[in-house]
Amino acid sequence: MKENKEGQTTSISKTRTLEEIADFWDTHSLADYWDETHEVDFEVRIQRKCRITLMPEIYEKIQTEAKSQGVLPETLVNLWLAERLQTTDSEL
């Protein structure tokens, strides 16, 4: 597991690795340490995902092909679309 910066321990669990921190919180309640916490601000960047509806029979074929290639159906469709768009761009 990855260690904290410069091997420092965390303020509440007094542990050094993510695994130790997880083990600590598996057996402790935040309610017991609430007075030792402080408010923080952070930013989360989420990529926007789009949804496209497919006919069930098309999705079944995609699912079968994806399974044979060992990838998720979403991955296969993204690869196919990227290839198609690249071909379309090169024809312009």
PDB file of N, CA and C in Angstrom:
ATOM      1  N   MET A   1       0.831  -1.193   0.000  1.00  0.00           N
ATOM      2  CA  MET A   1       0.000   0.000   0.000  1.00  0.00           C
ATOM      3  C   MET A   1       0.872   1.251   0.000  1.00  0.00           C
ATOM      4  N   LYS A   2       0.341   2.290  -0.566  1.00  0.00           N
ATOM      5  CA  LYS A   2       1.035   3.570  -0.635  1.00  0.00           C
ATOM      6  C   LYS A   2       1.086   4.225   0.742  1.00  0.00           C
ATOM      7  N   GLU A   3       2.221   4.765   1.100  1.00  0.00           N
ATOM      8  CA  GLU A   3       2.360   5.442   2.395  1.00  0.00           C
ATOM      9  C   GLU A   3       2.026   6.910   2.264  1.00  0.00           C
ATOM     10  N   ASN A   4       1.698   7.523   3.391  1.00  0.00           N
ATOM     11  CA  ASN A   4       1.464   8.966   3.436  1.00  0.00           C
ATOM     12  C   ASN A   4       2.766   9.692   3.132  1.00  0.00           C
ATOM     13  N   LYS A   5       2.667  10.986   2.858  1.00  0.00           N
ATOM     14  CA  LYS A   5       3.847  11.797   2.605  1.00  0.00           C
ATOM     15  C   LYS A   5       4.854  11.635   3.733  1.00  0.00           C
ATOM     16  N   GLU A   6       6.071  11.355   3.374  1.00  0.00           N
ATOM     17  CA  GLU A   6       7.190  11.255   4.318  1.00  0.00           C
ATOM     18  C   GLU A   6       6.916  10.301   5.475  1.00  0.00           C
ATOM     19  N   GLY A   7       6.063   9.300   5.262  1.00  0.00           N
ATOM     20  CA  GLY A   7       5.802   8.306   6.295  1.00  0.00           C
ATOM     21  C   GLY A   7       5.060   8.826   7.503  1.00  0.00           C
ATOM     22  N   GLN A   8       4.382   9.973   7.373  1.00  0.00           N
ATOM     23  CA  GLN A   8       3.646  10.560   8.495  1.00  0.00           C
ATOM     24  C   GLN A   8       2.451   9.686   8.857  1.00  0.00           C
ATOM     25  N   THR A   9       2.068   9.743  10.117  1.00  0.00           N
ATOM     26  CA  THR A   9       0.867   9.033  10.534  1.00  0.00           C
ATOM     27  C   THR A   9      -0.340   9.950  10.395  1.00  0.00           C
ATOM     28  N   THR A  10      -1.513   9.354  10.254  1.00  0.00           N
ATOM     29  CA  THR A  10      -2.726  10.158  10.154  1.00  0.00           C
ATOM     30  C   THR A  10      -3.103  10.693  11.529  1.00  0.00           C
ATOM     31  N   SER A  11      -3.853  11.775  11.552  1.00  0.00           N
ATOM     32  CA  SER A  11      -4.137  12.459  12.814  1.00  0.00           C
ATOM     33  C   SER A  11      -5.030  11.661  13.762  1.00  0.00           C
ATOM     34  N   ILE A  12      -5.954  10.890  13.264  1.00  0.00           N
ATOM     35  CA  ILE A  12      -6.863  10.162  14.145  1.00  0.00           C
ATOM     36  C   ILE A  12      -6.427   8.716  14.332  1.00  0.00           C
ATOM     37  N   SER A  13      -6.213   7.995  13.250  1.00  0.00           N
ATOM     38  CA  SER A  13      -5.909   6.562  13.375  1.00  0.00           C
ATOM     39  C   SER A  13      -4.453   6.285  13.745  1.00  0.00           C
ATOM     40  N   LYS A  14      -3.594   7.273  13.575  1.00  0.00           N
ATOM     41  CA  LYS A  14      -2.150   7.129  13.853  1.00  0.00           C
ATOM     42  C   LYS A  14      -1.538   5.983  13.042  1.00  0.00           C
ATOM     43  N   THR A  15      -2.011   5.834  11.808  1.00  0.00           N
ATOM     44  CA  THR A  15      -1.503   4.798  10.906  1.00  0.00           C
ATOM     45  C   THR A  15      -0.779   5.448   9.743  1.00  0.00           C
ATOM     46  N   ARG A  16      -0.081   4.642   8.967  1.00  0.00           N
ATOM     47  CA  ARG A  16       0.738   5.171   7.877  1.00  0.00           C
ATOM     48  C   ARG A  16       0.243   4.797   6.475  1.00  0.00           C
ATOM     49  N   THR A  17      -0.407   3.665   6.312  1.00  0.00           N
ATOM     50  CA  THR A  17      -0.803   3.231   4.972  1.00  0.00           C
ATOM     51  C   THR A  17      -2.316   3.251   4.818  1.00  0.00           C
ATOM     52  N   LEU A  18      -2.775   3.248   3.572  1.00  0.00           N
ATOM     53  CA  LEU A  18      -4.205   3.218   3.298  1.00  0.00           C
ATOM     54  C   LEU A  18      -4.834   1.947   3.868  1.00  0.00           C
ATOM     55  N   GLU A  19      -4.111   0.845   3.800  1.00  0.00           N
ATOM     56  CA  GLU A  19      -4.616  -0.420   4.337  1.00  0.00           C
ATOM     57  C   GLU A  19      -4.818  -0.325   5.855  1.00  0.00           C
ATOM     58  N   GLU A  20      -3.863   0.258   6.557  1.00  0.00           N
ATOM     59  CA  GLU A  20      -3.985   0.435   8.006  1.00  0.00           C
ATOM     60  C   GLU A  20      -5.137   1.377   8.346  1.00  0.00           C
ATOM     61  N   ILE A  21      -5.291   2.428   7.566  1.00  0.00           N
ATOM     62  CA  ILE A  21      -6.393   3.366   7.788  1.00  0.00           C
ATOM     63  C   ILE A  21      -7.729   2.647   7.613  1.00  0.00           C
ATOM     64  N   ALA A  22      -7.839   1.857   6.548  1.00  0.00           N
ATOM     65  CA  ALA A  22      -9.076   1.108   6.296  1.00  0.00           C
ATOM     66  C   ALA A  22      -9.365   0.144   7.440  1.00  0.00           C
ATOM     67  N   ASP A  23      -8.334  -0.556   7.899  1.00  0.00           N
ATOM     68  CA  ASP A  23      -8.508  -1.490   9.021  1.00  0.00           C
ATOM     69  C   ASP A  23      -8.990  -0.752  10.277  1.00  0.00           C
ATOM     70  N   PHE A  24      -8.424   0.413  10.510  1.00  0.00           N
ATOM     71  CA  PHE A  24      -8.813   1.202  11.673  1.00  0.00           C
ATOM     72  C   PHE A  24     -10.297   1.561  11.607  1.00  0.00           C
ATOM     73  N   TRP A  25     -10.737   2.110  10.461  1.00  0.00           N
ATOM     74  CA  TRP A  25     -12.125   2.558  10.351  1.00  0.00           C
ATOM     75  C   TRP A  25     -13.104   1.406  10.234  1.00  0.00           C
ATOM     76  N   ASP A  26     -12.621   0.223   9.904  1.00  0.00           N
ATOM     77  CA  ASP A  26     -13.493  -0.961   9.923  1.00  0.00           C
ATOM     78  C   ASP A  26     -13.898  -1.320  11.346  1.00  0.00           C
ATOM     79  N   THR A  27     -13.101  -0.898  12.316  1.00  0.00           N
ATOM     80  CA  THR A  27     -13.361  -1.282  13.707  1.00  0.00           C
ATOM     81  C   THR A  27     -13.642  -0.095  14.629  1.00  0.00           C
ATOM     82  N   HIS A  28     -13.743   1.110  14.068  1.00  0.00           N
ATOM     83  CA  HIS A  28     -14.002   2.304  14.868  1.00  0.00           C
ATOM     84  C   HIS A  28     -15.135   3.115  14.246  1.00  0.00           C
ATOM     85  N   SER A  29     -15.783   3.920  15.059  1.00  0.00           N
ATOM     86  CA  SER A  29     -16.869   4.777  14.589  1.00  0.00           C
ATOM     87  C   SER A  29     -16.405   6.230  14.541  1.00  0.00           C
ATOM     88  N   LEU A  30     -16.742   6.893  13.444  1.00  0.00           N
ATOM     89  CA  LEU A  30     -16.404   8.314  13.317  1.00  0.00           C
ATOM     90  C   LEU A  30     -17.071   9.128  14.423  1.00  0.00           C
ATOM     91  N   ALA A  31     -18.216   8.669  14.897  1.00  0.00           N
ATOM     92  CA  ALA A  31     -18.924   9.381  15.970  1.00  0.00           C
ATOM     93  C   ALA A  31     -18.048   9.536  17.212  1.00  0.00           C
ATOM     94  N   ASP A  32     -17.157   8.583  17.447  1.00  0.00           N
ATOM     95  CA  ASP A  32     -16.271   8.651  18.614  1.00  0.00           C
ATOM     96  C   ASP A  32     -15.145   9.666  18.435  1.00  0.00           C
ATOM     97  N   TYR A  33     -14.923  10.127  17.209  1.00  0.00           N
ATOM     98  CA  TYR A  33     -13.799  11.022  16.913  1.00  0.00           C
ATOM     99  C   TYR A  33     -14.259  12.338  16.285  1.00  0.00           C
ATOM    100  N   TRP A  34     -15.567  12.575  16.288  1.00  0.00           N
ATOM    101  CA  TRP A  34     -16.114  13.733  15.594  1.00  0.00           C
ATOM    102  C   TRP A  34     -15.466  15.045  16.025  1.00  0.00           C
ATOM    103  N   ASP A  35     -15.161  15.173  17.323  1.00  0.00           N
ATOM    104  CA  ASP A  35     -14.564  16.422  17.813  1.00  0.00           C
ATOM    105  C   ASP A  35     -13.124  16.608  17.341  1.00  0.00           C
ATOM    106  N   GLU A  36     -12.521  15.581  16.791  1.00  0.00           N
ATOM    107  CA  GLU A  36     -11.147  15.676  16.278  1.00  0.00           C
ATOM    108  C   GLU A  36     -11.104  15.956  14.773  1.00  0.00           C
ATOM    109  N   THR A  37     -12.260  16.053  14.148  1.00  0.00           N
ATOM    110  CA  THR A  37     -12.303  16.303  12.705  1.00  0.00           C
ATOM    111  C   THR A  37     -12.383  17.793  12.425  1.00  0.00           C
ATOM    112  N   HIS A  38     -12.127  18.157  11.191  1.00  0.00           N
ATOM    113  CA  HIS A  38     -12.275  19.548  10.783  1.00  0.00           C
ATOM    114  C   HIS A  38     -12.812  19.587   9.358  1.00  0.00           C
ATOM    115  N   GLU A  39     -13.468  20.675   9.044  1.00  0.00           N
ATOM    116  CA  GLU A  39     -14.075  20.837   7.736  1.00  0.00           C
ATOM    117  C   GLU A  39     -12.995  21.098   6.685  1.00  0.00           C
ATOM    118  N   VAL A  40     -13.159  20.497   5.517  1.00  0.00           N
ATOM    119  CA  VAL A  40     -12.229  20.724   4.413  1.00  0.00           C
ATOM    120  C   VAL A  40     -13.013  21.005   3.138  1.00  0.00           C
ATOM    121  N   ASP A  41     -12.382  21.691   2.223  1.00  0.00           N
ATOM    122  CA  ASP A  41     -12.942  21.937   0.897  1.00  0.00           C
ATOM    123  C   ASP A  41     -12.115  21.178  -0.114  1.00  0.00           C
ATOM    124  N   PHE A  42     -12.779  20.560  -1.068  1.00  0.00           N
ATOM    125  CA  PHE A  42     -12.064  19.900  -2.152  1.00  0.00           C
ATOM    126  C   PHE A  42     -12.935  19.906  -3.395  1.00  0.00           C
ATOM    127  N   GLU A  43     -12.300  19.742  -4.520  1.00  0.00           N
ATOM    128  CA  GLU A  43     -12.992  19.789  -5.793  1.00  0.00           C
ATOM    129  C   GLU A  43     -12.992  18.399  -6.407  1.00  0.00           C
ATOM    130  N   VAL A  44     -14.110  18.017  -6.966  1.00  0.00           N
ATOM    131  CA  VAL A  44     -14.225  16.722  -7.633  1.00  0.00           C
ATOM    132  C   VAL A  44     -14.499  16.997  -9.104  1.00  0.00           C
ATOM    133  N   ARG A  45     -13.703  16.397  -9.964  1.00  0.00           N
ATOM    134  CA  ARG A  45     -13.901  16.553 -11.407  1.00  0.00           C
ATOM    135  C   ARG A  45     -14.459  15.249 -11.956  1.00  0.00           C
ATOM    136  N   ILE A  46     -15.665  15.326 -12.451  1.00  0.00           N
ATOM    137  CA  ILE A  46     -16.321  14.139 -12.995  1.00  0.00           C
ATOM    138  C   ILE A  46     -16.529  14.344 -14.482  1.00  0.00           C
ATOM    139  N   GLN A  47     -16.127  13.337 -15.253  1.00  0.00           N
ATOM    140  CA  GLN A  47     -16.370  13.424 -16.680  1.00  0.00           C
ATOM    141  C   GLN A  47     -17.846  13.164 -16.950  1.00  0.00           C
ATOM    142  N   ARG A  48     -18.397  13.963 -17.808  1.00  0.00           N
ATOM    143  CA  ARG A  48     -19.800  13.802 -18.172  1.00  0.00           C
ATOM    144  C   ARG A  48     -19.951  12.573 -19.058  1.00  0.00           C
ATOM    145  N   LYS A  49     -20.915  11.735 -18.728  1.00  0.00           N
ATOM    146  CA  LYS A  49     -21.200  10.562 -19.548  1.00  0.00           C
ATOM    147  C   LYS A  49     -22.534  10.770 -20.238  1.00  0.00           C
ATOM    148  N   CYS A  50     -22.634  10.253 -21.438  1.00  0.00           N
ATOM    149  CA  CYS A  50     -23.862  10.369 -22.216  1.00  0.00           C
ATOM    150  C   CYS A  50     -24.488   8.996 -22.366  1.00  0.00           C
ATOM    151  N   ARG A  51     -25.766   8.981 -22.503  1.00  0.00           N
ATOM    152  CA  ARG A  51     -26.486   7.720 -22.640  1.00  0.00           C
ATOM    153  C   ARG A  51     -27.085   7.636 -24.034  1.00  0.00           C
ATOM    154  N   ILE A  52     -26.938   6.477 -24.652  1.00  0.00           N
ATOM    155  CA  ILE A  52     -27.518   6.228 -25.965  1.00  0.00           C
ATOM    156  C   ILE A  52     -28.343   4.957 -25.856  1.00  0.00           C
ATOM    157  N   THR A  53     -29.566   5.016 -26.315  1.00  0.00           N
ATOM    158  CA  THR A  53     -30.448   3.863 -26.245  1.00  0.00           C
ATOM    159  C   THR A  53     -30.251   2.985 -27.474  1.00  0.00           C
ATOM    160  N   LEU A  54     -30.100   1.685 -27.226  1.00  0.00           N
ATOM    161  CA  LEU A  54     -29.938   0.717 -28.301  1.00  0.00           C
ATOM    162  C   LEU A  54     -31.108  -0.252 -28.302  1.00  0.00           C
ATOM    163  N   MET A  55     -31.408  -0.799 -29.455  1.00  0.00           N
ATOM    164  CA  MET A  55     -32.416  -1.853 -29.521  1.00  0.00           C
ATOM    165  C   MET A  55     -31.842  -3.088 -28.822  1.00  0.00           C
ATOM    166  N   PRO A  56     -32.651  -3.812 -28.077  1.00  0.00           N
ATOM    167  CA  PRO A  56     -32.160  -4.958 -27.321  1.00  0.00           C
ATOM    168  C   PRO A  56     -31.382  -5.977 -28.150  1.00  0.00           C
ATOM    169  N   GLU A  57     -31.820  -6.251 -29.351  1.00  0.00           N
ATOM    170  CA  GLU A  57     -31.121  -7.241 -30.190  1.00  0.00           C
ATOM    171  C   GLU A  57     -29.732  -6.754 -30.607  1.00  0.00           C
ATOM    172  N   ILE A  58     -29.578  -5.453 -30.802  1.00  0.00           N
ATOM    173  CA  ILE A  58     -28.258  -4.896 -31.122  1.00  0.00           C
ATOM    174  C   ILE A  58     -27.363  -4.988 -29.895  1.00  0.00           C
ATOM    175  N   TYR A  59     -27.899  -4.629 -28.742  1.00  0.00           N
ATOM    176  CA  TYR A  59     -27.100  -4.704 -27.515  1.00  0.00           C
ATOM    177  C   TYR A  59     -26.653  -6.135 -27.238  1.00  0.00           C
ATOM    178  N   GLU A  60     -27.509  -7.110 -27.471  1.00  0.00           N
ATOM    179  CA  GLU A  60     -27.137  -8.517 -27.259  1.00  0.00           C
ATOM    180  C   GLU A  60     -25.949  -8.908 -28.142  1.00  0.00           C
ATOM    181  N   LYS A  61     -25.960  -8.468 -29.393  1.00  0.00           N
ATOM    182  CA  LYS A  61     -24.841  -8.770 -30.295  1.00  0.00           C
ATOM    183  C   LYS A  61     -23.558  -8.093 -29.814  1.00  0.00           C
ATOM    184  N   ILE A  62     -23.688  -6.849 -29.377  1.00  0.00           N
ATOM    185  CA  ILE A  62     -22.525  -6.121 -28.853  1.00  0.00           C
ATOM    186  C   ILE A  62     -21.994  -6.822 -27.609  1.00  0.00           C
ATOM    187  N   GLN A  63     -22.900  -7.237 -26.738  1.00  0.00           N
ATOM    188  CA  GLN A  63     -22.516  -7.924 -25.506  1.00  0.00           C
ATOM    189  C   GLN A  63     -21.765  -9.222 -25.818  1.00  0.00           C
ATOM    190  N   THR A  64     -22.246  -9.978 -26.788  1.00  0.00           N
ATOM    191  CA  THR A  64     -21.597 -11.228 -27.182  1.00  0.00           C
ATOM    192  C   THR A  64     -20.204 -10.966 -27.734  1.00  0.00           C
ATOM    193  N   GLU A  65     -20.093  -9.976 -28.615  1.00  0.00           N
ATOM    194  CA  GLU A  65     -18.785  -9.633 -29.198  1.00  0.00           C
ATOM    195  C   GLU A  65     -17.823  -9.117 -28.136  1.00  0.00           C
ATOM    196  N   ALA A  66     -18.310  -8.293 -27.243  1.00  0.00           N
ATOM    197  CA  ALA A  66     -17.461  -7.752 -26.178  1.00  0.00           C
ATOM    198  C   ALA A  66     -16.939  -8.870 -25.288  1.00  0.00           C
ATOM    199  N   LYS A  67     -17.805  -9.794 -24.950  1.00  0.00           N
ATOM    200  CA  LYS A  67     -17.397 -10.923 -24.106  1.00  0.00           C
ATOM    201  C   LYS A  67     -16.318 -11.748 -24.795  1.00  0.00           C
ATOM    202  N   SER A  68     -16.457 -11.965 -26.092  1.00  0.00           N
ATOM    203  CA  SER A  68     -15.458 -12.750 -26.828  1.00  0.00           C
ATOM    204  C   SER A  68     -14.105 -12.033 -26.884  1.00  0.00           C
ATOM    205  N   GLN A  69     -14.143 -10.697 -26.812  1.00  0.00           N
ATOM    206  CA  GLN A  69     -12.906  -9.913 -26.825  1.00  0.00           C
ATOM    207  C   GLN A  69     -12.394  -9.608 -25.418  1.00  0.00           C
ATOM    208  N   GLY A  70     -13.171  -9.978 -24.407  1.00  0.00           N
ATOM    209  CA  GLY A  70     -12.749  -9.753 -23.028  1.00  0.00           C
ATOM    210  C   GLY A  70     -12.818  -8.307 -22.572  1.00  0.00           C
ATOM    211  N   VAL A  71     -13.773  -7.560 -23.127  1.00  0.00           N
ATOM    212  CA  VAL A  71     -13.951  -6.162 -22.728  1.00  0.00           C
ATOM    213  C   VAL A  71     -15.415  -5.919 -22.385  1.00  0.00           C
ATOM    214  N   LEU A  72     -15.685  -4.794 -21.752  1.00  0.00           N
ATOM    215  CA  LEU A  72     -17.065  -4.406 -21.465  1.00  0.00           C
ATOM    216  C   LEU A  72     -17.737  -3.935 -22.756  1.00  0.00           C
ATOM    217  N   PRO A  73     -19.050  -4.127 -22.852  1.00  0.00           N
ATOM    218  CA  PRO A  73     -19.762  -3.634 -24.040  1.00  0.00           C
ATOM    219  C   PRO A  73     -19.524  -2.140 -24.284  1.00  0.00           C
ATOM    220  N   GLU A  74     -19.494  -1.343 -23.219  1.00  0.00           N
ATOM    221  CA  GLU A  74     -19.274   0.094 -23.355  1.00  0.00           C
ATOM    222  C   GLU A  74     -17.912   0.392 -23.978  1.00  0.00           C
ATOM    223  N   THR A  75     -16.901  -0.398 -23.580  1.00  0.00           N
ATOM    224  CA  THR A  75     -15.556  -0.215 -24.120  1.00  0.00           C
ATOM    225  C   THR A  75     -15.537  -0.529 -25.605  1.00  0.00           C
ATOM    226  N   LEU A  76     -16.161  -1.633 -25.976  1.00  0.00           N
ATOM    227  CA  LEU A  76     -16.202  -2.037 -27.380  1.00  0.00           C
ATOM    228  C   LEU A  76     -16.899  -0.984 -28.238  1.00  0.00           C
ATOM    229  N   VAL A  77     -18.046  -0.497 -27.786  1.00  0.00           N
ATOM    230  CA  VAL A  77     -18.780   0.517 -28.541  1.00  0.00           C
ATOM    231  C   VAL A  77     -17.950   1.791 -28.675  1.00  0.00           C
ATOM    232  N   ASN A  78     -17.285   2.198 -27.612  1.00  0.00           N
ATOM    233  CA  ASN A  78     -16.433   3.393 -27.689  1.00  0.00           C
ATOM    234  C   ASN A  78     -15.299   3.197 -28.681  1.00  0.00           C
ATOM    235  N   LEU A  79     -14.698   2.009 -28.689  1.00  0.00           N
ATOM    236  CA  LEU A  79     -13.624   1.727 -29.656  1.00  0.00           C
ATOM    237  C   LEU A  79     -14.151   1.774 -31.080  1.00  0.00           C
ATOM    238  N   TRP A  80     -15.284   1.131 -31.314  1.00  0.00           N
ATOM    239  CA  TRP A  80     -15.866   1.116 -32.655  1.00  0.00           C
ATOM    240  C   TRP A  80     -16.218   2.529 -33.118  1.00  0.00           C
ATOM    241  N   LEU A  81     -16.810   3.315 -32.243  1.00  0.00           N
ATOM    242  CA  LEU A  81     -17.177   4.677 -32.627  1.00  0.00           C
ATOM    243  C   LEU A  81     -15.942   5.534 -32.892  1.00  0.00           C
ATOM    244  N   ALA A  82     -14.924   5.381 -32.069  1.00  0.00           N
ATOM    245  CA  ALA A  82     -13.684   6.137 -32.272  1.00  0.00           C
ATOM    246  C   ALA A  82     -13.052   5.778 -33.616  1.00  0.00           C
ATOM    247  N   GLU A  83     -13.042   4.479 -33.945  1.00  0.00           N
ATOM    248  CA  GLU A  83     -12.493   4.047 -35.242  1.00  0.00           C
ATOM    249  C   GLU A  83     -13.294   4.645 -36.393  1.00  0.00           C
ATOM    250  N   ARG A  84     -14.602   4.589 -36.275  1.00  0.00           N
ATOM    251  CA  ARG A  84     -15.474   5.102 -37.335  1.00  0.00           C
ATOM    252  C   ARG A  84     -15.289   6.610 -37.506  1.00  0.00           C
ATOM    253  N   LEU A  85     -15.218   7.315 -36.408  1.00  0.00           N
ATOM    254  CA  LEU A  85     -15.034   8.766 -36.481  1.00  0.00           C
ATOM    255  C   LEU A  85     -13.671   9.123 -37.051  1.00  0.00           C
ATOM    256  N   GLN A  86     -12.658   8.325 -36.730  1.00  0.00           N
ATOM    257  CA  GLN A  86     -11.315   8.577 -37.275  1.00  0.00           C
ATOM    258  C   GLN A  86     -11.327   8.364 -38.792  1.00  0.00           C
ATOM    259  N   THR A  87     -12.017   7.346 -39.255  1.00  0.00           N
ATOM    260  CA  THR A  87     -12.132   7.082 -40.695  1.00  0.00           C
ATOM    261  C   THR A  87     -12.883   8.217 -41.365  1.00  0.00           C
ATOM    262  N   THR A  88     -13.963   8.673 -40.756  1.00  0.00           N
ATOM    263  CA  THR A  88     -14.753   9.764 -41.303  1.00  0.00           C
ATOM    264  C   THR A  88     -13.926  11.044 -41.391  1.00  0.00           C
ATOM    265  N   ASP A  89     -13.141  11.336 -40.330  1.00  0.00           N
ATOM    266  CA  ASP A  89     -12.295  12.536 -40.316  1.00  0.00           C
ATOM    267  C   ASP A  89     -11.241  12.482 -41.411  1.00  0.00           C
ATOM    268  N   SER A  90     -10.672  11.303 -41.662  1.00  0.00           N
ATOM    269  CA  SER A  90      -9.616  11.193 -42.669  1.00  0.00           C
ATOM    270  C   SER A  90     -10.156  11.305 -44.086  1.00  0.00           C
ATOM    271  N   GLU A  91     -11.443  11.066 -44.272  1.00  0.00           N
ATOM    272  CA  GLU A  91     -12.062  11.169 -45.597  1.00  0.00           C
ATOM    273  C   GLU A  91     -12.390  12.602 -45.959  1.00  0.00           C
ATOM    274  N   LEU A  92     -12.381  13.492 -45.004  1.00  0.00           N
ATOM    275  CA  LEU A  92     -12.746  14.899 -45.275  1.00  0.00           C
ATOM    276  C   LEU A  92     -11.650  15.658 -45.933  1.00  0.00           C
TER     277      LEU A  92
END
